[in-house]
């Protein structure tokens, strides 16, 4: 279970990083 949890965190981090590279940061974290 621990490995699956860490794997999920890594995948989520990679996905958010890819999105941040393609779109402005506000796409990942809503900002005023």
N, C-alpha and C. Protein backbone atom coordinates (compact mmCIF):
# COMPACT_ATOMS: atom_id res chain seq x y z
N UNK A 1 0.84 -1.22 0.00
CA UNK A 1 0.00 0.00 0.00
C UNK A 1 0.87 1.25 0.00
N UNK A 2 1.93 1.22 0.79
CA UNK A 2 2.82 2.39 0.86
C UNK A 2 3.39 2.72 -0.52
N UNK A 3 3.83 1.69 -1.23
CA UNK A 3 4.43 1.93 -2.56
C UNK A 3 3.39 2.52 -3.50
N UNK A 4 2.16 2.02 -3.43
CA UNK A 4 1.11 2.53 -4.32
C UNK A 4 0.82 3.99 -4.00
N UNK A 5 0.84 4.34 -2.72
CA UNK A 5 0.58 5.72 -2.30
C UNK A 5 1.67 6.64 -2.82
N UNK A 6 2.92 6.22 -2.67
CA UNK A 6 4.05 7.03 -3.15
C UNK A 6 4.00 7.15 -4.68
N UNK A 7 3.64 6.04 -5.34
CA UNK A 7 3.55 6.06 -6.80
C UNK A 7 2.48 7.06 -7.25
N UNK A 8 1.35 7.08 -6.53
CA UNK A 8 0.27 8.00 -6.88
C UNK A 8 0.73 9.45 -6.70
N UNK A 9 1.50 9.71 -5.64
CA UNK A 9 2.00 11.07 -5.41
C UNK A 9 2.94 11.48 -6.54
N UNK A 10 3.80 10.57 -6.96
CA UNK A 10 4.75 10.88 -8.03
C UNK A 10 4.00 11.18 -9.33
N UNK A 11 2.99 10.38 -9.63
CA UNK A 11 2.21 10.58 -10.86
C UNK A 11 1.51 11.94 -10.81
N UNK A 12 0.90 12.24 -9.67
CA UNK A 12 0.19 13.52 -9.52
C UNK A 12 1.17 14.68 -9.70
N UNK A 13 2.38 14.54 -9.13
CA UNK A 13 3.37 15.60 -9.25
C UNK A 13 3.80 15.79 -10.71
N UNK A 14 4.00 14.68 -11.41
CA UNK A 14 4.40 14.78 -12.81
C UNK A 14 3.30 15.41 -13.66
N UNK A 15 2.06 15.03 -13.39
CA UNK A 15 0.93 15.57 -14.16
C UNK A 15 0.82 17.08 -13.93
N UNK A 16 0.90 17.51 -12.68
CA UNK A 16 0.77 18.94 -12.37
C UNK A 16 1.95 19.70 -12.99
N UNK A 17 3.13 19.09 -12.99
CA UNK A 17 4.29 19.74 -13.58
C UNK A 17 4.10 19.92 -15.08
N UNK A 18 3.58 18.89 -15.73
CA UNK A 18 3.35 18.96 -17.18
C UNK A 18 2.32 20.04 -17.50
N UNK A 19 1.28 20.11 -16.71
CA UNK A 19 0.23 21.10 -16.94
C UNK A 19 0.79 22.51 -16.71
N UNK A 20 1.63 22.65 -15.69
CA UNK A 20 2.20 23.96 -15.37
C UNK A 20 3.12 24.42 -16.51
N UNK A 21 3.79 23.47 -17.16
CA UNK A 21 4.68 23.82 -18.27
C UNK A 21 3.88 24.28 -19.49
N UNK A 22 2.70 23.69 -19.69
CA UNK A 22 1.91 24.02 -20.87
C UNK A 22 1.00 25.23 -20.62
N UNK A 23 0.42 25.30 -19.44
CA UNK A 23 -0.52 26.37 -19.12
C UNK A 23 0.03 27.27 -18.03
N UNK A 24 -0.51 28.47 -17.88
CA UNK A 24 -0.09 29.37 -16.80
C UNK A 24 -0.37 28.74 -15.44
N UNK A 25 0.36 29.14 -14.39
CA UNK A 25 0.21 28.57 -13.05
C UNK A 25 -1.23 28.62 -12.54
N UNK A 26 -1.98 29.63 -12.95
CA UNK A 26 -3.35 29.77 -12.45
C UNK A 26 -4.21 28.58 -12.86
N UNK A 27 -3.76 27.83 -13.88
CA UNK A 27 -4.53 26.67 -14.32
C UNK A 27 -4.44 25.56 -13.27
N UNK A 28 -3.31 25.55 -12.53
CA UNK A 28 -3.13 24.52 -11.51
C UNK A 28 -3.67 25.02 -10.17
N UNK A 29 -3.29 26.24 -9.81
CA UNK A 29 -3.75 26.81 -8.53
C UNK A 29 -4.46 28.14 -8.79
N UNK A 30 -5.76 28.16 -8.59
CA UNK A 30 -6.51 29.41 -8.82
C UNK A 30 -5.96 30.56 -7.99
N UNK A 31 -5.67 31.67 -8.65
CA UNK A 31 -5.16 32.84 -7.94
C UNK A 31 -5.97 34.08 -8.34
N UNK A 32 -6.10 35.01 -7.43
CA UNK A 32 -6.86 36.25 -7.70
C UNK A 32 -6.20 37.11 -8.78
